[in-house]
Amino acid sequence: MTFTRTPRRAFGAVVALLAVGIGPAAATGNGYRVAVGGNSATAAHPMTAATTMSVNWASPTLTWTCTSATVRASALATAQAGYPVTDILRFPTFDFRGCTFPGGAMATTTAGEWQFHAEGPATSGATDVVEGHLDHISLTWRNAVCSITVSGRAAASFDEATQQLVIEESGFTGNLKTSGVLGCLGQVRNGQPINLSMRLQLTSPDGAINISGS
């Protein structure tokens, strides 16, 4: 048997590449300057988040709604100030209420930290609508006749003037998908794309959130 000797420098490069591939998932999006109350020093600022309208979900064959969603008081959401910032808005958990399905009311649980990552242009002004996406979405609905998990990402934008995060995933792109489907009257299947419409009012006691490109 013949062994090929690998140069130490090349071996180190391979190890480095493998480390990148198997490490924790990196945040997606661009780095922005974020200020809260005019202060862009690096800090996580607490904020509340609550829907201003019902939350609407849809598969290609079915629609369902939740009357509201809020961030739990015991797990505050944060706006991350500083530069460069990728995970701009962070939501550790949500309480979804009044979720209904053709089979009746559904209990809803969320998992993981949902994060807003910006990708669009942003100026130093206070009236930009900054495009991006809400990442790491994961939630499960359950009742006696149905269980569905939806996970992925959704298109979103942050309106600096109103301090609202508007989540509008439409067109069944497949960025959000179903899994773990049980029952559900045969109306939802694993791997189906999901649309989501949700509007969150954000309020930080430290002041308005502003996103700029640099």
N, C-alpha and C. Protein backbone atom coordinates (compact mmCIF):
# COMPACT_ATOMS: atom_id res chain seq x y z
N MET A 1 0.85 -1.19 0.00
CA MET A 1 0.00 0.00 0.00
C MET A 1 0.89 1.24 0.00
N THR A 2 0.51 2.22 -0.82
CA THR A 2 1.30 3.44 -0.92
C THR A 2 0.55 4.60 -0.29
N PHE A 3 1.20 5.34 0.55
CA PHE A 3 0.62 6.51 1.20
C PHE A 3 1.17 7.77 0.55
N THR A 4 0.28 8.71 0.24
CA THR A 4 0.70 10.00 -0.32
C THR A 4 0.81 11.02 0.79
N ARG A 5 1.94 11.64 0.91
CA ARG A 5 2.17 12.61 1.97
C ARG A 5 1.55 13.95 1.57
N THR A 6 0.69 14.49 2.44
CA THR A 6 0.05 15.77 2.17
C THR A 6 0.85 16.89 2.83
N PRO A 7 1.26 17.90 2.07
CA PRO A 7 2.00 19.02 2.68
C PRO A 7 1.21 19.64 3.81
N ARG A 8 1.90 20.03 4.88
CA ARG A 8 1.24 20.57 6.06
C ARG A 8 0.41 21.80 5.74
N ARG A 9 0.93 22.69 4.86
CA ARG A 9 0.20 23.91 4.54
C ARG A 9 -1.11 23.60 3.83
N ALA A 10 -1.08 22.64 2.89
CA ALA A 10 -2.29 22.26 2.17
C ALA A 10 -3.29 21.61 3.11
N PHE A 11 -2.77 20.76 4.02
CA PHE A 11 -3.66 20.11 4.99
C PHE A 11 -4.37 21.15 5.85
N GLY A 12 -3.65 22.19 6.29
CA GLY A 12 -4.26 23.24 7.09
C GLY A 12 -5.35 23.95 6.35
N ALA A 13 -5.15 24.18 5.04
CA ALA A 13 -6.17 24.85 4.24
C ALA A 13 -7.43 24.01 4.15
N VAL A 14 -7.23 22.68 3.98
CA VAL A 14 -8.40 21.78 3.91
C VAL A 14 -9.17 21.81 5.22
N VAL A 15 -8.45 21.76 6.35
CA VAL A 15 -9.11 21.80 7.65
C VAL A 15 -9.90 23.08 7.81
N ALA A 16 -9.33 24.20 7.37
CA ALA A 16 -10.01 25.48 7.49
C ALA A 16 -11.29 25.49 6.68
N LEU A 17 -11.23 24.93 5.45
CA LEU A 17 -12.43 24.88 4.62
C LEU A 17 -13.49 23.99 5.24
N LEU A 18 -13.08 22.85 5.80
CA LEU A 18 -14.04 21.97 6.45
C LEU A 18 -14.67 22.66 7.63
N ALA A 19 -13.91 23.43 8.38
CA ALA A 19 -14.44 24.13 9.55
C ALA A 19 -15.51 25.10 9.15
N VAL A 20 -15.29 25.77 8.00
CA VAL A 20 -16.32 26.70 7.51
C VAL A 20 -17.57 25.94 7.17
N GLY A 21 -17.41 24.76 6.54
CA GLY A 21 -18.58 24.03 6.09
C GLY A 21 -19.39 23.42 7.20
N ILE A 22 -18.74 23.05 8.32
CA ILE A 22 -19.49 22.33 9.35
C ILE A 22 -19.79 23.19 10.56
N GLY A 23 -19.39 24.43 10.55
CA GLY A 23 -19.63 25.31 11.68
C GLY A 23 -21.07 25.73 11.76
N PRO A 24 -21.45 26.56 12.77
CA PRO A 24 -22.80 27.04 12.90
C PRO A 24 -23.20 27.84 11.68
N ALA A 25 -24.50 27.80 11.34
CA ALA A 25 -25.00 28.52 10.18
C ALA A 25 -24.75 30.01 10.36
N ALA A 26 -24.14 30.62 9.37
CA ALA A 26 -23.83 32.04 9.44
C ALA A 26 -25.08 32.85 9.14
N ALA A 27 -25.13 34.07 9.69
CA ALA A 27 -26.24 34.96 9.41
C ALA A 27 -26.19 35.36 7.94
N THR A 28 -27.36 35.50 7.33
CA THR A 28 -27.43 35.91 5.94
C THR A 28 -27.95 37.33 5.87
N GLY A 29 -27.43 38.10 4.93
CA GLY A 29 -27.80 39.50 4.83
C GLY A 29 -26.54 40.34 4.84
N ASN A 30 -26.71 41.65 4.76
CA ASN A 30 -25.59 42.56 4.70
C ASN A 30 -25.40 43.28 6.04
N GLY A 31 -24.20 43.83 6.25
CA GLY A 31 -23.93 44.58 7.47
C GLY A 31 -24.35 46.03 7.32
N TYR A 32 -25.10 46.55 8.29
CA TYR A 32 -25.62 47.92 8.25
C TYR A 32 -25.24 48.64 9.53
N ARG A 33 -25.28 49.97 9.47
CA ARG A 33 -25.19 50.78 10.69
C ARG A 33 -26.60 50.92 11.24
N VAL A 34 -26.77 50.58 12.51
CA VAL A 34 -28.08 50.66 13.15
C VAL A 34 -27.98 51.56 14.36
N ALA A 35 -28.90 52.51 14.46
CA ALA A 35 -28.98 53.40 15.61
C ALA A 35 -30.33 53.24 16.27
N VAL A 36 -30.37 53.32 17.58
CA VAL A 36 -31.62 53.29 18.33
C VAL A 36 -31.66 54.55 19.19
N GLY A 37 -32.68 55.38 18.96
CA GLY A 37 -32.73 56.65 19.65
C GLY A 37 -31.56 57.56 19.31
N GLY A 38 -31.04 57.42 18.07
CA GLY A 38 -29.91 58.22 17.62
C GLY A 38 -28.56 57.72 18.07
N ASN A 39 -28.52 56.62 18.81
CA ASN A 39 -27.27 56.08 19.36
C ASN A 39 -26.87 54.83 18.59
N SER A 40 -25.71 54.88 17.92
CA SER A 40 -25.26 53.72 17.15
C SER A 40 -24.13 52.96 17.84
N ALA A 41 -23.89 53.26 19.13
CA ALA A 41 -22.91 52.47 19.88
C ALA A 41 -23.39 51.03 19.98
N THR A 42 -22.47 50.09 19.94
CA THR A 42 -22.85 48.68 19.95
C THR A 42 -23.60 48.32 21.23
N ALA A 43 -24.85 47.89 21.09
CA ALA A 43 -25.68 47.50 22.23
C ALA A 43 -26.95 46.86 21.72
N ALA A 44 -27.51 45.96 22.51
CA ALA A 44 -28.80 45.35 22.21
C ALA A 44 -29.88 46.11 22.97
N HIS A 45 -30.80 46.72 22.25
CA HIS A 45 -31.85 47.54 22.87
C HIS A 45 -33.16 46.74 22.93
N PRO A 46 -33.79 46.69 24.11
CA PRO A 46 -35.06 45.96 24.21
C PRO A 46 -36.15 46.63 23.39
N MET A 47 -37.08 45.81 22.93
CA MET A 47 -38.24 46.35 22.21
C MET A 47 -39.41 45.40 22.38
N THR A 48 -40.59 45.92 22.22
CA THR A 48 -41.78 45.08 22.18
C THR A 48 -42.19 44.91 20.73
N ALA A 49 -42.93 43.86 20.46
CA ALA A 49 -43.42 43.59 19.11
C ALA A 49 -44.81 42.99 19.21
N ALA A 50 -45.75 43.57 18.47
CA ALA A 50 -47.12 43.07 18.47
C ALA A 50 -47.74 43.32 17.11
N THR A 51 -48.55 42.40 16.66
CA THR A 51 -49.19 42.54 15.36
C THR A 51 -50.22 43.66 15.39
N THR A 52 -50.39 44.30 14.23
CA THR A 52 -51.39 45.35 14.09
C THR A 52 -52.62 44.85 13.34
N MET A 53 -52.59 43.60 12.91
CA MET A 53 -53.70 43.00 12.17
C MET A 53 -53.59 41.48 12.32
N SER A 54 -54.56 40.77 11.79
CA SER A 54 -54.50 39.31 11.87
C SER A 54 -53.33 38.79 11.04
N VAL A 55 -52.87 37.60 11.40
CA VAL A 55 -51.77 36.95 10.69
C VAL A 55 -52.38 35.92 9.75
N ASN A 56 -52.02 36.00 8.48
CA ASN A 56 -52.63 35.14 7.47
C ASN A 56 -51.60 34.19 6.87
N TRP A 57 -51.98 32.91 6.86
CA TRP A 57 -51.15 31.86 6.29
C TRP A 57 -51.91 31.20 5.14
N ALA A 58 -51.17 30.68 4.17
CA ALA A 58 -51.84 30.00 3.06
C ALA A 58 -50.92 28.94 2.46
N SER A 59 -51.51 27.78 2.17
CA SER A 59 -50.87 26.77 1.33
C SER A 59 -51.56 26.86 -0.03
N PRO A 60 -51.09 26.14 -1.03
CA PRO A 60 -51.77 26.19 -2.32
C PRO A 60 -53.22 25.72 -2.28
N THR A 61 -53.60 25.01 -1.21
CA THR A 61 -54.96 24.45 -1.15
C THR A 61 -55.79 24.94 0.02
N LEU A 62 -55.20 25.74 0.92
CA LEU A 62 -55.91 26.07 2.15
C LEU A 62 -55.37 27.38 2.74
N THR A 63 -56.24 28.11 3.44
CA THR A 63 -55.80 29.30 4.18
C THR A 63 -56.23 29.17 5.64
N TRP A 64 -55.46 29.79 6.55
CA TRP A 64 -55.85 29.84 7.95
C TRP A 64 -55.28 31.11 8.57
N THR A 65 -55.77 31.49 9.72
CA THR A 65 -55.39 32.77 10.32
C THR A 65 -55.12 32.64 11.82
N CYS A 66 -54.40 33.63 12.35
CA CYS A 66 -54.26 33.84 13.79
C CYS A 66 -54.67 35.28 14.05
N THR A 67 -55.39 35.52 15.13
CA THR A 67 -55.89 36.87 15.37
C THR A 67 -54.77 37.83 15.77
N SER A 68 -53.71 37.34 16.44
CA SER A 68 -52.64 38.22 16.87
C SER A 68 -51.39 37.42 17.20
N ALA A 69 -50.28 38.17 17.35
CA ALA A 69 -49.01 37.58 17.79
C ALA A 69 -48.22 38.65 18.54
N THR A 70 -47.59 38.26 19.62
CA THR A 70 -46.75 39.17 20.40
C THR A 70 -45.50 38.43 20.86
N VAL A 71 -44.47 39.20 21.20
CA VAL A 71 -43.28 38.61 21.83
C VAL A 71 -43.56 38.46 23.31
N ARG A 72 -43.26 37.31 23.87
CA ARG A 72 -43.50 37.06 25.29
C ARG A 72 -42.75 38.06 26.17
N ALA A 73 -43.40 38.49 27.24
CA ALA A 73 -42.79 39.45 28.15
C ALA A 73 -41.53 38.88 28.79
N SER A 74 -41.46 37.56 28.94
CA SER A 74 -40.32 36.94 29.59
C SER A 74 -39.12 36.77 28.66
N ALA A 75 -39.30 37.07 27.39
CA ALA A 75 -38.20 36.91 26.42
C ALA A 75 -38.23 38.07 25.44
N LEU A 76 -37.71 39.20 25.87
CA LEU A 76 -37.81 40.43 25.10
C LEU A 76 -37.09 40.32 23.75
N ALA A 77 -37.71 40.92 22.74
CA ALA A 77 -37.04 41.09 21.46
C ALA A 77 -36.03 42.22 21.60
N THR A 78 -35.06 42.26 20.68
CA THR A 78 -34.04 43.31 20.74
C THR A 78 -33.76 43.86 19.35
N ALA A 79 -33.36 45.14 19.33
CA ALA A 79 -32.81 45.78 18.14
C ALA A 79 -31.33 45.97 18.41
N GLN A 80 -30.50 45.46 17.51
CA GLN A 80 -29.05 45.51 17.72
C GLN A 80 -28.46 46.75 17.08
N ALA A 81 -27.95 47.67 17.89
CA ALA A 81 -27.29 48.85 17.37
C ALA A 81 -25.81 48.58 17.17
N GLY A 82 -25.17 49.36 16.29
CA GLY A 82 -23.75 49.22 16.05
C GLY A 82 -23.44 49.22 14.56
N TYR A 83 -22.21 48.83 14.23
CA TYR A 83 -21.79 48.70 12.83
C TYR A 83 -20.55 47.80 12.76
N PRO A 84 -20.52 46.84 11.81
CA PRO A 84 -21.63 46.45 10.95
C PRO A 84 -22.55 45.46 11.66
N VAL A 85 -23.84 45.58 11.45
CA VAL A 85 -24.83 44.72 12.09
C VAL A 85 -25.54 43.90 11.02
N THR A 86 -25.63 42.60 11.23
CA THR A 86 -26.37 41.72 10.32
C THR A 86 -27.70 41.30 10.92
N ASP A 87 -27.68 40.81 12.18
CA ASP A 87 -28.92 40.41 12.87
C ASP A 87 -29.53 41.67 13.50
N ILE A 88 -30.28 42.41 12.71
CA ILE A 88 -30.73 43.74 13.14
C ILE A 88 -31.84 43.64 14.18
N LEU A 89 -32.85 42.84 13.91
CA LEU A 89 -33.98 42.66 14.82
C LEU A 89 -34.04 41.19 15.21
N ARG A 90 -34.20 40.93 16.52
CA ARG A 90 -34.16 39.55 17.00
C ARG A 90 -35.39 39.27 17.85
N PHE A 91 -36.07 38.18 17.51
CA PHE A 91 -37.31 37.80 18.18
C PHE A 91 -37.14 36.39 18.75
N PRO A 92 -36.91 36.27 20.06
CA PRO A 92 -36.63 34.95 20.63
C PRO A 92 -37.81 34.00 20.64
N THR A 93 -39.02 34.52 20.73
CA THR A 93 -40.19 33.65 20.71
C THR A 93 -41.43 34.50 20.51
N PHE A 94 -42.48 33.89 20.01
CA PHE A 94 -43.75 34.58 19.80
C PHE A 94 -44.87 33.80 20.46
N ASP A 95 -45.90 34.53 20.89
CA ASP A 95 -47.17 33.92 21.26
C ASP A 95 -48.17 34.24 20.16
N PHE A 96 -48.61 33.22 19.43
CA PHE A 96 -49.67 33.38 18.44
C PHE A 96 -50.99 33.01 19.09
N ARG A 97 -51.99 33.86 18.92
CA ARG A 97 -53.29 33.63 19.56
C ARG A 97 -54.40 33.58 18.52
N GLY A 98 -55.45 32.86 18.88
CA GLY A 98 -56.63 32.81 18.04
C GLY A 98 -56.39 32.16 16.69
N CYS A 99 -55.55 31.13 16.65
CA CYS A 99 -55.26 30.46 15.38
C CYS A 99 -56.35 29.44 15.07
N THR A 100 -56.94 29.56 13.91
CA THR A 100 -58.06 28.68 13.52
C THR A 100 -57.74 27.99 12.20
N PHE A 101 -58.28 26.79 12.09
CA PHE A 101 -58.10 25.91 10.96
C PHE A 101 -59.45 25.28 10.69
N PRO A 102 -59.73 24.78 9.48
CA PRO A 102 -61.03 24.14 9.25
C PRO A 102 -61.41 23.08 10.28
N GLY A 103 -60.40 22.44 10.91
CA GLY A 103 -60.69 21.44 11.94
C GLY A 103 -60.89 22.02 13.32
N GLY A 104 -60.82 23.37 13.46
CA GLY A 104 -61.01 24.00 14.76
C GLY A 104 -59.81 24.82 15.19
N ALA A 105 -59.84 25.29 16.44
CA ALA A 105 -58.74 26.10 16.99
C ALA A 105 -57.47 25.26 17.06
N MET A 106 -56.32 25.94 16.90
CA MET A 106 -55.04 25.25 16.91
C MET A 106 -54.09 25.89 17.91
N ALA A 107 -53.45 25.07 18.75
CA ALA A 107 -52.38 25.55 19.63
C ALA A 107 -51.13 25.75 18.79
N THR A 108 -50.41 26.83 19.08
CA THR A 108 -49.25 27.20 18.26
C THR A 108 -48.02 27.38 19.13
N THR A 109 -46.91 26.80 18.72
CA THR A 109 -45.63 26.98 19.41
C THR A 109 -44.57 27.39 18.39
N THR A 110 -43.65 28.25 18.82
CA THR A 110 -42.55 28.67 17.94
C THR A 110 -41.25 28.11 18.48
N ALA A 111 -40.25 28.07 17.61
CA ALA A 111 -38.94 27.54 18.00
C ALA A 111 -37.85 28.43 17.45
N GLY A 112 -36.76 28.54 18.19
CA GLY A 112 -35.61 29.29 17.72
C GLY A 112 -35.81 30.79 17.76
N GLU A 113 -34.77 31.51 17.39
CA GLU A 113 -34.82 32.97 17.34
C GLU A 113 -35.02 33.43 15.90
N TRP A 114 -36.09 34.16 15.66
CA TRP A 114 -36.35 34.71 14.33
C TRP A 114 -35.57 36.02 14.21
N GLN A 115 -34.95 36.26 13.06
CA GLN A 115 -34.08 37.43 12.89
C GLN A 115 -34.39 38.15 11.59
N PHE A 116 -34.41 39.48 11.67
CA PHE A 116 -34.56 40.29 10.46
C PHE A 116 -33.18 40.67 9.96
N HIS A 117 -32.92 40.32 8.68
CA HIS A 117 -31.68 40.66 8.00
C HIS A 117 -32.03 41.57 6.83
N ALA A 118 -31.39 42.73 6.76
CA ALA A 118 -31.65 43.67 5.67
C ALA A 118 -30.79 43.34 4.46
N GLU A 119 -31.31 43.67 3.29
CA GLU A 119 -30.57 43.45 2.05
C GLU A 119 -30.67 44.63 1.09
N GLY A 120 -31.67 45.50 1.30
CA GLY A 120 -31.90 46.60 0.38
C GLY A 120 -31.16 47.86 0.76
N PRO A 121 -31.25 48.90 -0.07
CA PRO A 121 -30.58 50.17 0.22
C PRO A 121 -31.18 50.85 1.44
N ALA A 122 -30.33 51.61 2.15
CA ALA A 122 -30.77 52.35 3.34
C ALA A 122 -29.92 53.61 3.45
N THR A 123 -30.56 54.72 3.77
CA THR A 123 -29.86 55.98 3.92
C THR A 123 -29.85 56.38 5.40
N SER A 124 -29.23 57.54 5.67
CA SER A 124 -29.20 58.04 7.05
C SER A 124 -30.51 58.71 7.44
N GLY A 125 -31.45 58.86 6.49
CA GLY A 125 -32.75 59.45 6.79
C GLY A 125 -33.59 58.55 7.68
N ALA A 126 -34.74 59.07 8.11
CA ALA A 126 -35.58 58.33 9.07
C ALA A 126 -36.88 57.86 8.43
N THR A 127 -36.93 57.79 7.10
CA THR A 127 -38.17 57.39 6.44
C THR A 127 -37.96 56.28 5.42
N ASP A 128 -36.83 55.59 5.50
CA ASP A 128 -36.57 54.48 4.56
C ASP A 128 -37.48 53.30 4.82
N VAL A 129 -37.79 52.58 3.77
CA VAL A 129 -38.38 51.25 3.89
C VAL A 129 -37.30 50.28 3.43
N VAL A 130 -36.71 49.59 4.39
CA VAL A 130 -35.53 48.76 4.12
C VAL A 130 -35.96 47.32 3.88
N GLU A 131 -35.68 46.83 2.69
CA GLU A 131 -36.07 45.48 2.31
C GLU A 131 -35.11 44.45 2.89
N GLY A 132 -35.64 43.26 3.15
CA GLY A 132 -34.81 42.16 3.65
C GLY A 132 -35.64 40.91 3.80
N HIS A 133 -35.35 40.14 4.84
CA HIS A 133 -36.11 38.92 5.09
C HIS A 133 -36.09 38.58 6.58
N LEU A 134 -37.10 37.87 7.00
CA LEU A 134 -37.17 37.33 8.36
C LEU A 134 -36.72 35.88 8.28
N ASP A 135 -35.62 35.60 8.97
CA ASP A 135 -34.98 34.30 8.84
C ASP A 135 -35.25 33.42 10.06
N HIS A 136 -35.02 32.11 9.89
CA HIS A 136 -35.12 31.10 10.96
C HIS A 136 -36.54 30.96 11.51
N ILE A 137 -37.54 31.22 10.68
CA ILE A 137 -38.94 31.02 11.10
C ILE A 137 -39.18 29.54 11.35
N SER A 138 -39.81 29.23 12.47
CA SER A 138 -40.19 27.84 12.76
C SER A 138 -41.34 27.85 13.75
N LEU A 139 -42.46 27.27 13.36
CA LEU A 139 -43.60 27.16 14.27
C LEU A 139 -44.45 25.95 13.90
N THR A 140 -45.17 25.47 14.91
CA THR A 140 -45.99 24.27 14.75
C THR A 140 -47.38 24.54 15.27
N TRP A 141 -48.38 24.11 14.49
CA TRP A 141 -49.79 24.16 14.92
C TRP A 141 -50.26 22.73 15.19
N ARG A 142 -51.11 22.60 16.22
CA ARG A 142 -51.67 21.29 16.54
C ARG A 142 -53.09 21.42 17.04
N ASN A 143 -53.94 20.48 16.62
CA ASN A 143 -55.23 20.25 17.26
C ASN A 143 -55.57 18.77 17.09
N ALA A 144 -56.80 18.40 17.37
CA ALA A 144 -57.16 16.98 17.38
C ALA A 144 -57.06 16.32 16.01
N VAL A 145 -57.16 17.11 14.94
CA VAL A 145 -57.20 16.51 13.60
C VAL A 145 -56.02 16.92 12.73
N CYS A 146 -55.11 17.72 13.27
CA CYS A 146 -54.07 18.25 12.39
C CYS A 146 -52.82 18.64 13.16
N SER A 147 -51.66 18.44 12.55
CA SER A 147 -50.40 18.96 13.05
C SER A 147 -49.57 19.40 11.84
N ILE A 148 -49.07 20.65 11.89
CA ILE A 148 -48.27 21.20 10.79
C ILE A 148 -47.09 21.96 11.37
N THR A 149 -45.92 21.79 10.79
CA THR A 149 -44.78 22.65 11.09
C THR A 149 -44.43 23.43 9.83
N VAL A 150 -44.20 24.73 10.01
CA VAL A 150 -43.76 25.59 8.91
C VAL A 150 -42.41 26.19 9.29
N SER A 151 -41.45 26.14 8.39
CA SER A 151 -40.13 26.68 8.68
C SER A 151 -39.50 27.27 7.42
N GLY A 152 -38.54 28.18 7.64
CA GLY A 152 -37.84 28.79 6.53
C GLY A 152 -37.68 30.28 6.74
N ARG A 153 -37.79 31.04 5.65
CA ARG A 153 -37.63 32.48 5.70
C ARG A 153 -38.76 33.14 4.91
N ALA A 154 -38.98 34.43 5.20
CA ALA A 154 -40.04 35.17 4.53
C ALA A 154 -39.54 36.55 4.16
N ALA A 155 -39.97 37.04 3.02
CA ALA A 155 -39.65 38.40 2.62
C ALA A 155 -40.22 39.38 3.64
N ALA A 156 -39.44 40.42 3.97
CA ALA A 156 -39.87 41.38 4.99
C ALA A 156 -39.25 42.74 4.70
N SER A 157 -39.85 43.78 5.25
CA SER A 157 -39.29 45.12 5.13
C SER A 157 -39.54 45.88 6.42
N PHE A 158 -38.59 46.76 6.77
CA PHE A 158 -38.74 47.58 7.96
C PHE A 158 -38.99 49.02 7.54
N ASP A 159 -40.13 49.57 7.99
CA ASP A 159 -40.52 50.95 7.69
C ASP A 159 -40.07 51.84 8.84
N GLU A 160 -39.05 52.65 8.60
CA GLU A 160 -38.51 53.49 9.68
C GLU A 160 -39.52 54.53 10.16
N ALA A 161 -40.35 55.03 9.26
CA ALA A 161 -41.30 56.08 9.64
C ALA A 161 -42.35 55.57 10.59
N THR A 162 -42.84 54.36 10.36
CA THR A 162 -43.90 53.79 11.21
C THR A 162 -43.36 52.85 12.26
N GLN A 163 -42.07 52.47 12.15
CA GLN A 163 -41.45 51.48 13.05
C GLN A 163 -42.19 50.14 12.98
N GLN A 164 -42.57 49.77 11.76
CA GLN A 164 -43.25 48.50 11.55
C GLN A 164 -42.41 47.56 10.70
N LEU A 165 -42.41 46.29 11.09
CA LEU A 165 -41.81 45.23 10.29
C LEU A 165 -42.93 44.52 9.56
N VAL A 166 -42.90 44.60 8.25
CA VAL A 166 -43.96 44.01 7.42
C VAL A 166 -43.42 42.74 6.79
N ILE A 167 -44.02 41.60 7.13
CA ILE A 167 -43.62 40.30 6.58
C ILE A 167 -44.64 39.94 5.52
N GLU A 168 -44.18 39.79 4.31
CA GLU A 168 -45.10 39.53 3.19
C GLU A 168 -44.46 38.52 2.25
N GLU A 169 -44.61 37.25 2.57
CA GLU A 169 -44.11 36.17 1.73
C GLU A 169 -45.27 35.69 0.87
N SER A 170 -45.18 35.92 -0.43
CA SER A 170 -46.28 35.59 -1.34
C SER A 170 -45.74 34.86 -2.57
N GLY A 171 -46.67 34.35 -3.37
CA GLY A 171 -46.28 33.69 -4.61
C GLY A 171 -45.83 32.25 -4.45
N PHE A 172 -45.95 31.69 -3.24
CA PHE A 172 -45.57 30.30 -2.98
C PHE A 172 -44.16 30.01 -3.52
N THR A 173 -43.21 30.81 -3.06
CA THR A 173 -41.84 30.71 -3.54
C THR A 173 -41.11 29.45 -3.06
N GLY A 174 -41.56 28.89 -1.95
CA GLY A 174 -40.87 27.76 -1.36
C GLY A 174 -39.86 28.16 -0.31
N ASN A 175 -39.74 29.46 -0.02
CA ASN A 175 -38.86 29.89 1.07
C ASN A 175 -39.38 29.42 2.43
N LEU A 176 -40.71 29.34 2.55
CA LEU A 176 -41.38 28.75 3.71
C LEU A 176 -42.01 27.44 3.26
N LYS A 177 -41.80 26.37 4.03
CA LYS A 177 -42.34 25.07 3.64
C LYS A 177 -42.91 24.32 4.83
N THR A 178 -43.81 23.40 4.53
CA THR A 178 -44.42 22.55 5.56
C THR A 178 -43.61 21.28 5.77
N SER A 179 -43.71 20.75 6.98
CA SER A 179 -43.13 19.45 7.31
C SER A 179 -43.92 18.87 8.48
N GLY A 180 -43.69 17.60 8.77
CA GLY A 180 -44.34 16.96 9.92
C GLY A 180 -45.85 16.99 9.87
N VAL A 181 -46.42 16.97 8.67
CA VAL A 181 -47.87 17.07 8.54
C VAL A 181 -48.53 15.76 8.94
N LEU A 182 -49.51 15.86 9.85
CA LEU A 182 -50.31 14.71 10.27
C LEU A 182 -51.78 15.09 10.17
N GLY A 183 -52.55 14.30 9.44
CA GLY A 183 -53.98 14.58 9.32
C GLY A 183 -54.24 15.80 8.45
N CYS A 184 -54.88 16.80 9.06
CA CYS A 184 -55.16 18.08 8.39
C CYS A 184 -56.16 17.91 7.25
N LEU A 185 -57.04 16.92 7.38
CA LEU A 185 -58.13 16.69 6.42
C LEU A 185 -57.62 16.47 5.00
N GLY A 186 -56.34 16.09 4.89
CA GLY A 186 -55.76 15.87 3.57
C GLY A 186 -55.54 17.14 2.77
N GLN A 187 -55.68 18.30 3.42
CA GLN A 187 -55.60 19.58 2.71
C GLN A 187 -54.19 20.18 2.69
N VAL A 188 -53.29 19.67 3.54
CA VAL A 188 -51.92 20.15 3.59
C VAL A 188 -50.99 18.95 3.51
N ARG A 189 -49.93 19.09 2.72
CA ARG A 189 -48.98 17.99 2.55
C ARG A 189 -47.57 18.45 2.88
N ASN A 190 -46.70 17.51 3.19
CA ASN A 190 -45.30 17.83 3.45
C ASN A 190 -44.64 18.47 2.22
N GLY A 191 -43.82 19.46 2.47
CA GLY A 191 -43.07 20.09 1.39
C GLY A 191 -43.81 21.15 0.61
N GLN A 192 -45.03 21.48 1.03
CA GLN A 192 -45.78 22.52 0.31
C GLN A 192 -45.24 23.91 0.65
N PRO A 193 -45.19 24.81 -0.33
CA PRO A 193 -44.80 26.20 -0.04
C PRO A 193 -45.92 26.91 0.71
N ILE A 194 -45.53 27.88 1.54
CA ILE A 194 -46.49 28.60 2.38
C ILE A 194 -46.32 30.11 2.17
N ASN A 195 -47.43 30.81 2.08
CA ASN A 195 -47.44 32.28 2.09
C ASN A 195 -47.72 32.77 3.51
N LEU A 196 -47.19 33.95 3.83
CA LEU A 196 -47.38 34.54 5.14
C LEU A 196 -47.56 36.05 5.02
N SER A 197 -48.56 36.59 5.69
CA SER A 197 -48.77 38.04 5.76
C SER A 197 -48.90 38.43 7.23
N MET A 198 -47.99 39.30 7.69
CA MET A 198 -47.92 39.63 9.11
C MET A 198 -47.28 41.01 9.27
N ARG A 199 -47.85 41.84 10.13
CA ARG A 199 -47.34 43.19 10.33
C ARG A 199 -47.09 43.40 11.83
N LEU A 200 -45.85 43.76 12.19
CA LEU A 200 -45.47 43.92 13.58
C LEU A 200 -45.14 45.38 13.90
N GLN A 201 -45.75 45.90 14.96
CA GLN A 201 -45.39 47.22 15.45
C GLN A 201 -44.28 47.07 16.48
N LEU A 202 -43.15 47.72 16.24
CA LEU A 202 -42.00 47.62 17.13
C LEU A 202 -41.86 48.91 17.93
N THR A 203 -41.59 48.75 19.22
CA THR A 203 -41.42 49.91 20.10
C THR A 203 -40.27 49.64 21.05
N SER A 204 -39.25 50.50 21.00
CA SER A 204 -38.15 50.40 21.94
C SER A 204 -38.21 51.58 22.92
N PRO A 205 -38.06 51.34 24.21
CA PRO A 205 -38.04 52.45 25.17
C PRO A 205 -36.83 53.37 24.96
N ASP A 206 -35.85 52.90 24.19
CA ASP A 206 -34.65 53.70 23.95
C ASP A 206 -34.77 54.62 22.74
N GLY A 207 -35.88 54.50 22.00
CA GLY A 207 -36.10 55.40 20.87
C GLY A 207 -36.28 54.66 19.56
N ALA A 208 -36.43 55.44 18.49
CA ALA A 208 -36.71 54.88 17.17
C ALA A 208 -35.50 54.13 16.61
N ILE A 209 -35.79 53.09 15.85
CA ILE A 209 -34.77 52.27 15.20
C ILE A 209 -34.50 52.83 13.82
N ASN A 210 -33.22 53.05 13.49
CA ASN A 210 -32.85 53.59 12.19
C ASN A 210 -31.74 52.75 11.58
N ILE A 211 -31.92 52.40 10.32
CA ILE A 211 -30.96 51.57 9.60
C ILE A 211 -30.35 52.39 8.47
N SER A 212 -29.03 52.39 8.39
CA SER A 212 -28.35 53.09 7.29
C SER A 212 -27.28 52.19 6.72
N GLY A 213 -26.83 52.54 5.52
CA GLY A 213 -25.91 51.65 4.82
C GLY A 213 -24.52 51.64 5.38
N SER A 214 -24.09 52.71 6.05
CA SER A 214 -22.72 52.75 6.58
C SER A 214 -22.63 53.77 7.69
